[in-house]
N, C-alpha and C. Protein backbone atom coordinates (compact mmCIF):
# COMPACT_ATOMS: atom_id res chain seq x y z
N MET A 1 -8.80 -17.91 12.62
CA MET A 1 -7.91 -16.77 12.87
C MET A 1 -7.46 -16.19 11.53
N SER A 2 -7.40 -14.90 11.47
CA SER A 2 -6.99 -14.21 10.25
C SER A 2 -5.49 -14.37 10.02
N SER A 3 -5.11 -14.47 8.76
CA SER A 3 -3.69 -14.50 8.39
C SER A 3 -3.07 -13.12 8.57
N TYR A 4 -3.92 -12.13 8.79
CA TYR A 4 -3.47 -10.74 8.87
C TYR A 4 -3.99 -10.07 10.13
N PRO A 5 -3.35 -10.35 11.26
CA PRO A 5 -3.79 -9.72 12.51
C PRO A 5 -3.49 -8.22 12.50
N LEU A 6 -4.14 -7.52 13.40
CA LEU A 6 -3.85 -6.11 13.62
C LEU A 6 -2.67 -6.04 14.58
N TYR A 7 -1.51 -5.74 14.04
CA TYR A 7 -0.32 -5.66 14.87
C TYR A 7 -0.25 -4.34 15.62
N THR A 8 0.36 -4.39 16.77
CA THR A 8 0.70 -3.20 17.54
C THR A 8 2.22 -3.02 17.42
N ILE A 9 2.70 -1.93 17.95
CA ILE A 9 4.15 -1.73 17.95
C ILE A 9 4.82 -2.87 18.71
N GLU A 10 4.21 -3.31 19.78
CA GLU A 10 4.79 -4.37 20.59
C GLU A 10 4.75 -5.73 19.91
N SER A 11 3.68 -6.02 19.19
CA SER A 11 3.51 -7.37 18.63
C SER A 11 4.02 -7.53 17.20
N ALA A 12 4.34 -6.43 16.53
CA ALA A 12 4.76 -6.47 15.12
C ALA A 12 6.14 -7.11 14.96
N PRO A 13 6.40 -7.66 13.77
CA PRO A 13 7.76 -8.12 13.48
C PRO A 13 8.75 -6.97 13.69
N ALA A 14 9.94 -7.29 14.15
CA ALA A 14 10.94 -6.27 14.50
C ALA A 14 11.18 -5.27 13.38
N GLN A 15 11.24 -5.73 12.14
CA GLN A 15 11.52 -4.82 11.02
C GLN A 15 10.34 -3.92 10.67
N SER A 16 9.16 -4.22 11.18
CA SER A 16 7.98 -3.38 10.94
C SER A 16 7.76 -2.34 12.03
N LYS A 17 8.34 -2.56 13.21
CA LYS A 17 8.11 -1.68 14.36
C LYS A 17 8.45 -0.22 14.10
N PRO A 18 9.59 0.11 13.47
CA PRO A 18 9.89 1.53 13.24
C PRO A 18 8.84 2.25 12.39
N VAL A 19 8.27 1.56 11.42
CA VAL A 19 7.22 2.18 10.59
C VAL A 19 5.98 2.43 11.43
N LEU A 20 5.59 1.46 12.24
CA LEU A 20 4.41 1.66 13.08
C LEU A 20 4.64 2.81 14.07
N GLN A 21 5.85 2.92 14.61
CA GLN A 21 6.17 4.04 15.50
C GLN A 21 6.07 5.37 14.75
N GLN A 22 6.57 5.40 13.53
CA GLN A 22 6.52 6.61 12.72
C GLN A 22 5.07 7.01 12.42
N LEU A 23 4.24 6.04 12.09
CA LEU A 23 2.83 6.33 11.82
C LEU A 23 2.10 6.77 13.08
N GLN A 24 2.45 6.16 14.21
CA GLN A 24 1.86 6.57 15.50
C GLN A 24 2.16 8.04 15.76
N GLN A 25 3.39 8.45 15.49
CA GLN A 25 3.77 9.86 15.69
C GLN A 25 3.06 10.77 14.70
N ALA A 26 2.96 10.35 13.46
CA ALA A 26 2.36 11.19 12.41
C ALA A 26 0.86 11.37 12.59
N PHE A 27 0.15 10.29 12.95
CA PHE A 27 -1.31 10.33 13.01
C PHE A 27 -1.88 10.29 14.42
N GLY A 28 -1.03 10.04 15.41
CA GLY A 28 -1.54 9.90 16.77
C GLY A 28 -2.19 8.55 16.99
N MET A 29 -2.04 7.67 16.02
CA MET A 29 -2.60 6.32 16.06
C MET A 29 -1.94 5.52 14.94
N ILE A 30 -2.09 4.24 14.99
CA ILE A 30 -1.60 3.39 13.90
C ILE A 30 -2.82 3.04 13.05
N PRO A 31 -2.86 3.54 11.81
CA PRO A 31 -4.00 3.18 10.95
C PRO A 31 -4.11 1.65 10.82
N ASN A 32 -5.33 1.15 10.84
CA ASN A 32 -5.54 -0.29 10.80
C ASN A 32 -4.93 -0.94 9.55
N ILE A 33 -4.89 -0.23 8.44
CA ILE A 33 -4.26 -0.81 7.26
C ILE A 33 -2.78 -1.07 7.52
N ALA A 34 -2.11 -0.15 8.18
CA ALA A 34 -0.69 -0.34 8.50
C ALA A 34 -0.51 -1.46 9.51
N ALA A 35 -1.44 -1.56 10.46
CA ALA A 35 -1.38 -2.64 11.45
C ALA A 35 -1.49 -4.00 10.77
N LYS A 36 -2.25 -4.08 9.69
CA LYS A 36 -2.37 -5.32 8.92
C LYS A 36 -1.14 -5.52 8.03
N MET A 37 -0.66 -4.45 7.40
CA MET A 37 0.50 -4.54 6.49
C MET A 37 1.78 -4.92 7.23
N ALA A 38 1.82 -4.69 8.52
CA ALA A 38 3.03 -4.93 9.32
C ALA A 38 3.46 -6.39 9.30
N VAL A 39 2.56 -7.30 8.94
CA VAL A 39 2.94 -8.71 8.84
C VAL A 39 4.07 -8.89 7.83
N SER A 40 4.16 -7.97 6.87
CA SER A 40 5.21 -8.03 5.85
C SER A 40 6.13 -6.82 5.98
N PRO A 41 7.29 -6.98 6.59
CA PRO A 41 8.24 -5.86 6.67
C PRO A 41 8.61 -5.33 5.27
N THR A 42 8.64 -6.20 4.29
CA THR A 42 8.95 -5.77 2.92
C THR A 42 7.91 -4.77 2.43
N LEU A 43 6.64 -5.10 2.59
CA LEU A 43 5.57 -4.22 2.12
C LEU A 43 5.52 -2.92 2.92
N ILE A 44 5.50 -3.01 4.23
CA ILE A 44 5.31 -1.80 5.03
C ILE A 44 6.50 -0.85 4.91
N ASN A 45 7.71 -1.39 4.79
CA ASN A 45 8.86 -0.51 4.62
C ASN A 45 8.90 0.12 3.23
N GLY A 46 8.49 -0.62 2.21
CA GLY A 46 8.38 -0.05 0.88
C GLY A 46 7.31 1.03 0.83
N PHE A 47 6.20 0.76 1.49
CA PHE A 47 5.09 1.71 1.57
C PHE A 47 5.53 3.03 2.21
N ILE A 48 6.16 2.95 3.38
CA ILE A 48 6.51 4.18 4.10
C ILE A 48 7.56 4.98 3.34
N GLY A 49 8.51 4.29 2.73
CA GLY A 49 9.54 5.00 1.97
C GLY A 49 8.95 5.78 0.81
N LEU A 50 8.03 5.15 0.09
CA LEU A 50 7.42 5.83 -1.05
C LEU A 50 6.49 6.94 -0.59
N PHE A 51 5.71 6.70 0.47
CA PHE A 51 4.81 7.75 0.96
C PHE A 51 5.58 8.98 1.46
N GLU A 52 6.71 8.77 2.10
CA GLU A 52 7.52 9.92 2.53
C GLU A 52 7.92 10.76 1.32
N ARG A 53 8.32 10.11 0.26
CA ARG A 53 8.75 10.83 -0.95
C ARG A 53 7.57 11.52 -1.63
N VAL A 54 6.43 10.85 -1.65
CA VAL A 54 5.22 11.43 -2.24
C VAL A 54 4.87 12.74 -1.52
N HIS A 55 4.91 12.70 -0.20
CA HIS A 55 4.54 13.89 0.57
C HIS A 55 5.62 14.97 0.55
N ALA A 56 6.78 14.65 0.02
CA ALA A 56 7.85 15.64 -0.14
C ALA A 56 7.94 16.12 -1.59
N SER A 57 6.98 15.71 -2.42
CA SER A 57 7.00 16.09 -3.84
C SER A 57 6.52 17.53 -4.01
N SER A 58 6.44 17.96 -5.25
CA SER A 58 5.97 19.32 -5.52
C SER A 58 4.45 19.44 -5.50
N LEU A 59 3.76 18.31 -5.37
CA LEU A 59 2.30 18.34 -5.30
C LEU A 59 1.86 18.82 -3.91
N THR A 60 0.76 19.55 -3.87
CA THR A 60 0.23 20.03 -2.59
C THR A 60 -0.50 18.89 -1.87
N GLU A 61 -0.71 19.06 -0.58
CA GLU A 61 -1.45 18.03 0.17
C GLU A 61 -2.87 17.85 -0.36
N PRO A 62 -3.62 18.92 -0.69
CA PRO A 62 -4.95 18.68 -1.29
C PRO A 62 -4.86 17.89 -2.60
N GLN A 63 -3.85 18.16 -3.41
CA GLN A 63 -3.68 17.41 -4.66
C GLN A 63 -3.35 15.95 -4.36
N ILE A 64 -2.47 15.71 -3.41
CA ILE A 64 -2.10 14.33 -3.05
C ILE A 64 -3.32 13.59 -2.51
N GLN A 65 -4.09 14.22 -1.63
CA GLN A 65 -5.27 13.54 -1.09
C GLN A 65 -6.31 13.29 -2.18
N THR A 66 -6.42 14.20 -3.13
CA THR A 66 -7.32 13.99 -4.27
C THR A 66 -6.89 12.76 -5.05
N LEU A 67 -5.59 12.64 -5.29
CA LEU A 67 -5.07 11.48 -6.01
C LEU A 67 -5.31 10.19 -5.22
N LEU A 68 -5.02 10.22 -3.93
CA LEU A 68 -5.18 9.03 -3.10
C LEU A 68 -6.65 8.60 -3.02
N LEU A 69 -7.55 9.56 -2.89
CA LEU A 69 -8.97 9.25 -2.83
C LEU A 69 -9.46 8.72 -4.18
N THR A 70 -9.03 9.36 -5.25
CA THR A 70 -9.41 8.89 -6.59
C THR A 70 -8.94 7.46 -6.81
N ASN A 71 -7.70 7.18 -6.42
CA ASN A 71 -7.16 5.83 -6.60
C ASN A 71 -7.96 4.81 -5.80
N ALA A 72 -8.30 5.16 -4.56
CA ALA A 72 -9.06 4.23 -3.72
C ALA A 72 -10.42 3.93 -4.34
N VAL A 73 -11.08 4.95 -4.87
CA VAL A 73 -12.38 4.74 -5.52
C VAL A 73 -12.20 3.90 -6.79
N ALA A 74 -11.21 4.25 -7.60
CA ALA A 74 -10.97 3.51 -8.84
C ALA A 74 -10.65 2.04 -8.57
N ASN A 75 -10.00 1.78 -7.45
CA ASN A 75 -9.65 0.40 -7.09
C ASN A 75 -10.71 -0.25 -6.19
N ALA A 76 -11.82 0.45 -5.95
CA ALA A 76 -12.93 -0.07 -5.14
C ALA A 76 -12.44 -0.58 -3.79
N SER A 77 -11.59 0.22 -3.15
CA SER A 77 -10.97 -0.17 -1.89
C SER A 77 -11.58 0.64 -0.75
N GLU A 78 -12.39 -0.01 0.04
CA GLU A 78 -13.27 0.68 0.98
C GLU A 78 -12.55 1.38 2.13
N TRP A 79 -11.63 0.71 2.82
CA TRP A 79 -10.94 1.36 3.94
C TRP A 79 -10.22 2.61 3.46
N PRO A 80 -9.41 2.56 2.39
CA PRO A 80 -8.73 3.77 1.94
C PRO A 80 -9.67 4.90 1.52
N VAL A 81 -10.84 4.58 0.97
CA VAL A 81 -11.78 5.65 0.62
C VAL A 81 -12.18 6.42 1.87
N ALA A 82 -12.55 5.72 2.92
CA ALA A 82 -12.95 6.39 4.17
C ALA A 82 -11.79 7.21 4.74
N PHE A 83 -10.62 6.60 4.80
CA PHE A 83 -9.44 7.27 5.37
C PHE A 83 -9.08 8.53 4.57
N HIS A 84 -9.02 8.41 3.25
CA HIS A 84 -8.61 9.56 2.45
C HIS A 84 -9.72 10.59 2.28
N THR A 85 -10.96 10.20 2.52
CA THR A 85 -12.04 11.20 2.61
C THR A 85 -11.76 12.11 3.80
N ALA A 86 -11.47 11.50 4.95
CA ALA A 86 -11.19 12.29 6.15
C ALA A 86 -9.98 13.18 5.95
N LEU A 87 -8.90 12.64 5.37
CA LEU A 87 -7.69 13.44 5.18
C LEU A 87 -7.89 14.53 4.13
N ALA A 88 -8.63 14.25 3.07
CA ALA A 88 -8.88 15.27 2.04
C ALA A 88 -9.64 16.45 2.65
N LEU A 89 -10.65 16.15 3.43
CA LEU A 89 -11.42 17.23 4.08
C LEU A 89 -10.53 18.01 5.04
N LYS A 90 -9.70 17.30 5.79
CA LYS A 90 -8.77 17.95 6.73
C LYS A 90 -7.80 18.87 5.99
N GLU A 91 -7.40 18.48 4.79
CA GLU A 91 -6.45 19.27 4.00
C GLU A 91 -7.12 20.38 3.20
N GLY A 92 -8.42 20.56 3.38
CA GLY A 92 -9.11 21.68 2.77
C GLY A 92 -9.76 21.41 1.42
N VAL A 93 -9.83 20.16 1.00
CA VAL A 93 -10.56 19.85 -0.22
C VAL A 93 -12.04 20.07 0.08
N ARG A 94 -12.70 20.81 -0.78
CA ARG A 94 -14.10 21.14 -0.54
C ARG A 94 -14.96 19.87 -0.45
N PRO A 95 -15.92 19.85 0.47
CA PRO A 95 -16.78 18.67 0.61
C PRO A 95 -17.45 18.25 -0.71
N ALA A 96 -17.87 19.21 -1.52
CA ALA A 96 -18.50 18.86 -2.81
C ALA A 96 -17.52 18.15 -3.73
N ASP A 97 -16.25 18.56 -3.68
CA ASP A 97 -15.24 17.90 -4.51
C ASP A 97 -14.94 16.49 -3.99
N VAL A 98 -14.88 16.34 -2.68
CA VAL A 98 -14.68 15.02 -2.09
C VAL A 98 -15.84 14.10 -2.47
N ASP A 99 -17.05 14.61 -2.36
CA ASP A 99 -18.24 13.82 -2.69
C ASP A 99 -18.22 13.41 -4.17
N ALA A 100 -17.81 14.32 -5.04
CA ALA A 100 -17.73 14.00 -6.47
C ALA A 100 -16.77 12.83 -6.70
N ILE A 101 -15.60 12.91 -6.10
CA ILE A 101 -14.60 11.85 -6.28
C ILE A 101 -15.15 10.53 -5.75
N ARG A 102 -15.80 10.56 -4.60
CA ARG A 102 -16.37 9.33 -4.02
C ARG A 102 -17.43 8.71 -4.92
N HIS A 103 -18.03 9.55 -5.78
CA HIS A 103 -19.05 9.05 -6.73
C HIS A 103 -18.47 8.79 -8.12
N GLY A 104 -17.15 8.87 -8.23
CA GLY A 104 -16.51 8.54 -9.50
C GLY A 104 -16.57 9.61 -10.57
N VAL A 105 -16.83 10.85 -10.14
CA VAL A 105 -16.84 11.96 -11.10
C VAL A 105 -15.77 12.96 -10.70
N LEU A 106 -15.45 13.84 -11.63
CA LEU A 106 -14.38 14.81 -11.39
C LEU A 106 -14.85 15.93 -10.46
N PRO A 107 -13.95 16.40 -9.61
CA PRO A 107 -14.28 17.54 -8.76
C PRO A 107 -14.42 18.82 -9.59
N ASN A 108 -15.06 19.84 -9.03
CA ASN A 108 -15.23 21.12 -9.73
C ASN A 108 -13.94 21.92 -9.82
N ASP A 109 -13.10 21.83 -8.81
CA ASP A 109 -11.82 22.54 -8.81
C ASP A 109 -10.98 22.03 -9.98
N ALA A 110 -10.58 22.95 -10.87
CA ALA A 110 -9.90 22.55 -12.11
C ALA A 110 -8.59 21.80 -11.86
N GLY A 111 -7.79 22.25 -10.92
CA GLY A 111 -6.53 21.59 -10.64
C GLY A 111 -6.73 20.20 -10.06
N LEU A 112 -7.69 20.10 -9.12
CA LEU A 112 -7.97 18.80 -8.53
C LEU A 112 -8.61 17.86 -9.56
N ALA A 113 -9.42 18.43 -10.46
CA ALA A 113 -10.02 17.62 -11.53
C ALA A 113 -8.93 17.06 -12.44
N ALA A 114 -7.92 17.86 -12.74
CA ALA A 114 -6.82 17.40 -13.59
C ALA A 114 -6.06 16.26 -12.90
N CYS A 115 -5.85 16.39 -11.60
CA CYS A 115 -5.17 15.33 -10.84
C CYS A 115 -6.02 14.06 -10.85
N SER A 116 -7.29 14.20 -10.53
CA SER A 116 -8.19 13.05 -10.46
C SER A 116 -8.29 12.36 -11.81
N ALA A 117 -8.45 13.13 -12.87
CA ALA A 117 -8.56 12.54 -14.21
C ALA A 117 -7.30 11.79 -14.59
N LEU A 118 -6.14 12.37 -14.30
CA LEU A 118 -4.88 11.70 -14.65
C LEU A 118 -4.73 10.40 -13.86
N ALA A 119 -5.05 10.42 -12.59
CA ALA A 119 -4.93 9.21 -11.77
C ALA A 119 -5.85 8.11 -12.31
N ARG A 120 -7.10 8.46 -12.58
CA ARG A 120 -8.03 7.45 -13.10
C ARG A 120 -7.56 6.90 -14.44
N THR A 121 -7.06 7.80 -15.29
CA THR A 121 -6.57 7.36 -16.60
C THR A 121 -5.38 6.43 -16.46
N LEU A 122 -4.45 6.77 -15.57
CA LEU A 122 -3.30 5.90 -15.33
C LEU A 122 -3.75 4.51 -14.89
N ILE A 123 -4.70 4.45 -13.99
CA ILE A 123 -5.19 3.17 -13.49
C ILE A 123 -5.93 2.41 -14.59
N GLU A 124 -6.85 3.09 -15.24
CA GLU A 124 -7.67 2.43 -16.26
C GLU A 124 -6.85 1.98 -17.47
N LYS A 125 -5.85 2.77 -17.85
CA LYS A 125 -5.03 2.43 -19.02
C LYS A 125 -3.73 1.74 -18.65
N ARG A 126 -3.60 1.38 -17.36
CA ARG A 126 -2.41 0.70 -16.86
C ARG A 126 -1.12 1.45 -17.21
N GLY A 127 -1.18 2.77 -17.05
CA GLY A 127 -0.01 3.61 -17.24
C GLY A 127 0.24 4.06 -18.67
N ARG A 128 -0.56 3.61 -19.59
CA ARG A 128 -0.34 3.96 -21.00
C ARG A 128 -1.08 5.24 -21.36
N LEU A 129 -0.49 6.36 -20.97
CA LEU A 129 -1.10 7.66 -21.25
C LEU A 129 -0.93 8.03 -22.71
N ALA A 130 -1.98 8.51 -23.31
CA ALA A 130 -1.92 9.06 -24.66
C ALA A 130 -1.50 10.52 -24.56
N GLU A 131 -1.02 11.07 -25.63
CA GLU A 131 -0.60 12.47 -25.64
C GLU A 131 -1.71 13.41 -25.18
N PRO A 132 -2.98 13.23 -25.60
CA PRO A 132 -4.04 14.12 -25.10
C PRO A 132 -4.21 14.05 -23.58
N ASP A 133 -3.98 12.86 -22.99
CA ASP A 133 -4.07 12.73 -21.52
C ASP A 133 -3.01 13.59 -20.86
N LYS A 134 -1.79 13.51 -21.36
CA LYS A 134 -0.69 14.31 -20.82
C LYS A 134 -0.96 15.80 -21.03
N LYS A 135 -1.42 16.13 -22.22
CA LYS A 135 -1.65 17.53 -22.58
C LYS A 135 -2.69 18.18 -21.65
N ARG A 136 -3.76 17.47 -21.35
CA ARG A 136 -4.80 18.02 -20.46
C ARG A 136 -4.21 18.34 -19.09
N PHE A 137 -3.37 17.47 -18.58
CA PHE A 137 -2.76 17.69 -17.28
C PHE A 137 -1.81 18.88 -17.32
N LEU A 138 -1.01 18.95 -18.36
CA LEU A 138 -0.06 20.06 -18.51
C LEU A 138 -0.79 21.39 -18.70
N GLU A 139 -1.87 21.38 -19.45
CA GLU A 139 -2.65 22.61 -19.68
C GLU A 139 -3.35 23.10 -18.41
N ALA A 140 -3.48 22.23 -17.43
CA ALA A 140 -4.08 22.63 -16.15
C ALA A 140 -3.04 23.29 -15.24
N GLY A 141 -1.81 23.46 -15.76
CA GLY A 141 -0.78 24.17 -15.01
C GLY A 141 0.25 23.28 -14.34
N PHE A 142 0.21 22.00 -14.63
CA PHE A 142 1.17 21.07 -14.05
C PHE A 142 2.35 20.88 -14.99
N SER A 143 3.43 20.28 -14.47
CA SER A 143 4.64 20.06 -15.26
C SER A 143 4.75 18.59 -15.67
N ALA A 144 5.65 18.35 -16.61
CA ALA A 144 5.93 16.98 -17.03
C ALA A 144 6.46 16.16 -15.86
N GLU A 145 7.28 16.78 -15.02
CA GLU A 145 7.80 16.08 -13.84
C GLU A 145 6.66 15.64 -12.93
N GLN A 146 5.63 16.47 -12.81
CA GLN A 146 4.52 16.14 -11.93
C GLN A 146 3.70 14.96 -12.44
N ILE A 147 3.73 14.69 -13.73
CA ILE A 147 3.09 13.46 -14.23
C ILE A 147 3.76 12.26 -13.57
N LEU A 148 5.08 12.30 -13.48
CA LEU A 148 5.82 11.21 -12.85
C LEU A 148 5.57 11.16 -11.35
N GLU A 149 5.38 12.32 -10.73
CA GLU A 149 5.04 12.34 -9.31
C GLU A 149 3.66 11.71 -9.08
N VAL A 150 2.74 11.95 -9.99
CA VAL A 150 1.42 11.33 -9.89
C VAL A 150 1.56 9.81 -9.97
N ILE A 151 2.46 9.34 -10.83
CA ILE A 151 2.70 7.89 -10.92
C ILE A 151 3.18 7.36 -9.57
N ALA A 152 4.03 8.11 -8.88
CA ALA A 152 4.49 7.68 -7.55
C ALA A 152 3.32 7.60 -6.57
N VAL A 153 2.40 8.56 -6.64
CA VAL A 153 1.23 8.54 -5.76
C VAL A 153 0.37 7.31 -6.07
N VAL A 154 0.16 7.06 -7.37
CA VAL A 154 -0.63 5.89 -7.77
C VAL A 154 0.02 4.61 -7.26
N ALA A 155 1.34 4.52 -7.38
CA ALA A 155 2.04 3.32 -6.91
C ALA A 155 1.90 3.15 -5.40
N ALA A 156 2.08 4.23 -4.65
CA ALA A 156 1.96 4.16 -3.20
C ALA A 156 0.53 3.79 -2.80
N SER A 157 -0.42 4.40 -3.46
CA SER A 157 -1.82 4.14 -3.15
C SER A 157 -2.21 2.71 -3.50
N THR A 158 -1.65 2.19 -4.56
CA THR A 158 -1.94 0.81 -4.95
C THR A 158 -1.54 -0.16 -3.85
N MET A 159 -0.44 0.13 -3.18
CA MET A 159 -0.01 -0.74 -2.07
C MET A 159 -1.10 -0.82 -1.00
N THR A 160 -1.61 0.32 -0.58
CA THR A 160 -2.63 0.31 0.47
C THR A 160 -3.96 -0.21 -0.04
N ASN A 161 -4.31 0.14 -1.28
CA ASN A 161 -5.58 -0.32 -1.83
C ASN A 161 -5.61 -1.84 -1.92
N TYR A 162 -4.56 -2.41 -2.49
CA TYR A 162 -4.51 -3.86 -2.65
C TYR A 162 -4.40 -4.55 -1.29
N ALA A 163 -3.57 -4.01 -0.40
CA ALA A 163 -3.43 -4.61 0.93
C ALA A 163 -4.77 -4.58 1.67
N SER A 164 -5.51 -3.49 1.52
CA SER A 164 -6.82 -3.39 2.15
C SER A 164 -7.79 -4.42 1.58
N SER A 165 -7.77 -4.59 0.27
CA SER A 165 -8.67 -5.55 -0.36
C SER A 165 -8.35 -6.99 0.04
N VAL A 166 -7.08 -7.26 0.33
CA VAL A 166 -6.66 -8.61 0.74
C VAL A 166 -6.87 -8.84 2.23
N THR A 167 -6.55 -7.83 3.06
CA THR A 167 -6.54 -8.03 4.52
C THR A 167 -7.82 -7.58 5.23
N HIS A 168 -8.63 -6.75 4.59
CA HIS A 168 -9.90 -6.27 5.16
C HIS A 168 -9.75 -5.65 6.55
N PRO A 169 -9.01 -4.55 6.66
CA PRO A 169 -8.87 -3.93 7.98
C PRO A 169 -10.21 -3.33 8.44
N PRO A 170 -10.48 -3.42 9.73
CA PRO A 170 -11.70 -2.77 10.23
C PRO A 170 -11.54 -1.25 10.17
N LEU A 171 -12.63 -0.59 9.98
CA LEU A 171 -12.63 0.87 9.91
C LEU A 171 -12.62 1.44 11.32
N GLU A 172 -11.69 2.34 11.58
CA GLU A 172 -11.60 2.99 12.88
C GLU A 172 -12.84 3.85 13.11
N ALA A 173 -13.20 4.01 14.38
CA ALA A 173 -14.40 4.77 14.74
C ALA A 173 -14.39 6.18 14.16
N GLN A 174 -13.22 6.84 14.15
CA GLN A 174 -13.17 8.22 13.67
C GLN A 174 -13.39 8.35 12.16
N PHE A 175 -13.37 7.22 11.44
CA PHE A 175 -13.60 7.27 9.99
C PHE A 175 -14.94 6.67 9.59
N GLU A 176 -15.71 6.18 10.55
CA GLU A 176 -16.98 5.52 10.23
C GLU A 176 -17.95 6.43 9.48
N GLU A 177 -17.95 7.72 9.79
CA GLU A 177 -18.86 8.62 9.09
C GLU A 177 -18.53 8.74 7.60
N PHE A 178 -17.33 8.29 7.22
CA PHE A 178 -16.89 8.37 5.83
C PHE A 178 -16.90 7.00 5.15
N ALA A 179 -17.54 6.01 5.81
CA ALA A 179 -17.59 4.67 5.24
C ALA A 179 -18.13 4.74 3.81
N TRP A 180 -17.58 3.90 2.98
CA TRP A 180 -17.94 3.85 1.55
C TRP A 180 -17.96 2.40 1.13
N HIS A 181 -18.88 2.06 0.26
CA HIS A 181 -18.96 0.70 -0.25
C HIS A 181 -18.89 0.74 -1.76
N ALA A 182 -18.10 -0.14 -2.30
CA ALA A 182 -17.94 -0.21 -3.75
C ALA A 182 -19.29 -0.53 -4.39
N PRO A 183 -19.57 0.12 -5.52
CA PRO A 183 -20.81 -0.21 -6.22
C PRO A 183 -20.77 -1.67 -6.71
N ALA A 184 -21.93 -2.28 -6.75
CA ALA A 184 -22.00 -3.66 -7.24
C ALA A 184 -21.62 -3.69 -8.73
N PRO A 185 -20.86 -4.72 -9.10
CA PRO A 185 -20.44 -4.81 -10.51
C PRO A 185 -21.59 -5.04 -11.47
């Protein structure tokens, strides 16, 4: 038996139930990663609080999905790549840009490329941005405050990426067409 069952609203720990209800309302379903994360009320409540703030930031939904997809690819986290591929396309990110990110290259859209590059740099350099890294993002039309918002997205995404890598949630049928596998090391 797995240490990380797929919880439902009914079977989840009491402190996790409100988050699962909120996700059910938002997505019309409980994403399997959340169903696995529900075993830890600490993790799932921290996750939902940060994600609410991320989606209320000054970044657009296509920018946020670009960041989330980039993070999932950079962290070689398969479930989140499929999920954020679907959401990025739904939010209007061009299929060619989504495909580029899934292959570890920058999208053609300049603003999305700046977001993707900053996210990858933050992950690869463990948050130690050099001045040229910041400058490239700012020159793409973003603000200094938005660098910090990107950090919030990276932090939120890291929760789901790491939880996915530990718990191995099954991919929902509606995301199977977006299945992705990490390249062999």
